[in-house]
Amino acid sequence: MALVVSFVLVSVPAYANERPVGWEDPSAIDLSRVLMIFVLGPIGLALLIALGAAAPWLIRGEGLGSDPEKTDEWFGGPKGGAGELSGKQDASALESGGASGKY
C-alpha cells in the first residue's frame, strides 16, 4: 500500500505540467550565450585558478620556467656529492641501508 501511495505522490507533479497563470513563455537561448556559459566560463575559471596558483612565483620574480642556475639537490646523500660513492668503502658502509633481510 505504501508503495502505491508513494508512486502516486511522486508521479502527480509529472502530470501537472501546465504553466502557472502569471508566468511568461521562456525565450530561446542563442548559441553564443550557450558557448559563453558552458565553454568560455569553465576555461576562464581554470585560467583564474592557474593564475592564482602561479601568483606567488610571479610576485617573487621566479617566473614560470625552471632556473638554469639552480643545481639538483640530493636529500640524504653524501655531503661531498656523488664523488664520495665511488671511493673506498668500509665493511659497515656496505651493510648499511637497503633491505638486507637478515633474521
Protein backbone atom coordinates (compact mmCIF):
# COMPACT_ATOMS: atom_id res chain seq x y z
CA MET A 1 0.00 0.00 0.00
CA ALA A 2 2.80 2.41 0.89
CA LEU A 3 4.41 1.75 -2.49
CA VAL A 4 1.23 2.72 -4.34
CA VAL A 5 0.81 5.90 -2.29
CA SER A 6 4.43 6.94 -2.79
CA PHE A 7 4.17 6.25 -6.54
CA VAL A 8 1.06 8.44 -6.79
CA LEU A 9 2.67 11.25 -4.79
CA VAL A 10 5.80 11.19 -6.92
CA SER A 11 4.06 10.92 -10.29
CA VAL A 12 1.37 13.59 -9.75
CA PRO A 13 3.73 16.55 -10.41
CA ALA A 14 4.66 14.99 -13.76
CA TYR A 15 1.05 15.18 -14.89
CA ALA A 16 0.59 18.75 -13.70
CA ASN A 17 2.73 20.20 -16.47
CA GLU A 18 0.70 23.33 -17.13
CA ARG A 19 2.48 26.64 -16.64
CA PRO A 20 1.09 28.85 -13.86
CA VAL A 21 -1.15 31.69 -15.00
CA GLY A 22 1.22 34.61 -14.32
CA TRP A 23 4.31 33.10 -15.97
CA GLU A 24 5.52 34.02 -19.45
CA ASP A 25 6.85 31.66 -22.10
CA PRO A 26 10.64 31.42 -21.87
CA SER A 27 12.57 32.77 -24.85
CA ALA A 28 15.02 30.62 -26.78
CA ILE A 29 18.72 30.86 -25.84
CA ASP A 30 21.06 31.60 -28.74
CA LEU A 31 24.19 29.55 -29.41
CA SER A 32 26.65 32.31 -28.47
CA ARG A 33 25.22 32.51 -24.94
CA VAL A 34 25.37 28.72 -24.58
CA LEU A 35 29.01 28.67 -25.70
CA MET A 36 29.86 31.53 -23.37
CA ILE A 37 28.31 29.77 -20.38
CA PHE A 38 29.40 26.18 -20.99
CA VAL A 39 32.76 26.64 -22.77
CA LEU A 40 34.27 30.04 -22.06
CA GLY A 41 33.09 30.07 -18.45
CA PRO A 42 34.96 26.91 -17.37
CA ILE A 43 38.06 27.87 -19.40
CA GLY A 44 38.10 31.31 -17.79
CA LEU A 45 37.64 29.79 -14.35
CA ALA A 46 40.53 27.36 -14.95
CA LEU A 47 42.76 30.25 -16.06
CA LEU A 48 41.87 32.23 -12.94
CA ILE A 49 42.72 29.24 -10.73
CA ALA A 50 46.04 28.72 -12.56
CA LEU A 51 46.89 32.41 -12.23
CA GLY A 52 46.06 32.27 -8.54
CA ALA A 53 48.35 29.27 -8.10
CA ALA A 54 51.20 30.91 -10.05
CA ALA A 55 50.80 34.36 -8.48
CA PRO A 56 53.26 33.75 -5.59
CA TRP A 57 56.03 32.72 -8.03
CA LEU A 58 55.30 35.67 -10.28
CA ILE A 59 55.28 38.13 -7.37
CA ARG A 60 58.65 36.85 -6.12
CA GLY A 61 60.02 37.16 -9.64
CA GLU A 62 60.82 33.48 -10.08
CA GLY A 63 58.88 33.19 -13.34
CA LEU A 64 57.10 30.13 -14.66
CA GLY A 65 60.10 28.27 -16.18
CA SER A 66 62.94 26.46 -14.47
CA ASP A 67 66.04 28.36 -13.40
CA PRO A 68 69.19 27.09 -15.18
CA GLU A 69 71.42 28.40 -12.38
CA LYS A 70 69.90 26.12 -9.75
CA THR A 71 71.55 22.75 -9.29
CA ASP A 72 69.92 19.49 -8.32
CA GLU A 73 69.70 18.63 -4.63
CA TRP A 74 70.33 15.18 -3.22
CA PHE A 75 68.48 14.90 0.07
CA GLY A 76 70.14 12.46 2.46
CA GLY A 77 73.11 11.78 0.18
CA PRO A 78 76.78 12.24 0.99
CA LYS A 79 77.85 15.82 1.65
CA GLY A 80 80.60 15.71 -0.96
CA GLY A 81 78.24 14.63 -3.72
CA ALA A 82 78.27 11.51 -5.86
CA GLY A 83 82.08 11.51 -5.97
CA GLU A 84 82.21 10.11 -2.43
CA LEU A 85 80.32 7.00 -3.51
CA SER A 86 82.97 5.78 -5.91
CA GLY A 87 85.73 5.91 -3.29
CA LYS A 88 86.88 3.18 -0.90
CA GLN A 89 84.09 1.84 1.31
CA ASP A 90 84.44 0.06 4.62
CA ALA A 91 82.50 -3.06 5.62
CA SER A 92 79.94 -1.16 7.73
CA ALA A 93 79.04 1.07 4.77
CA LEU A 94 78.41 -1.98 2.59
CA GLU A 95 75.92 -3.39 5.12
CA SER A 96 74.06 -0.14 5.76
CA GLY A 97 70.78 0.69 4.07
CA GLY A 98 68.68 -1.37 1.73
CA ALA A 99 66.52 -4.37 2.52
CA SER A 100 69.10 -6.80 3.80
CA GLY A 101 66.52 -9.12 5.36
CA LYS A 102 68.76 -10.87 7.92
CA TYR A 103 66.94 -12.93 10.57
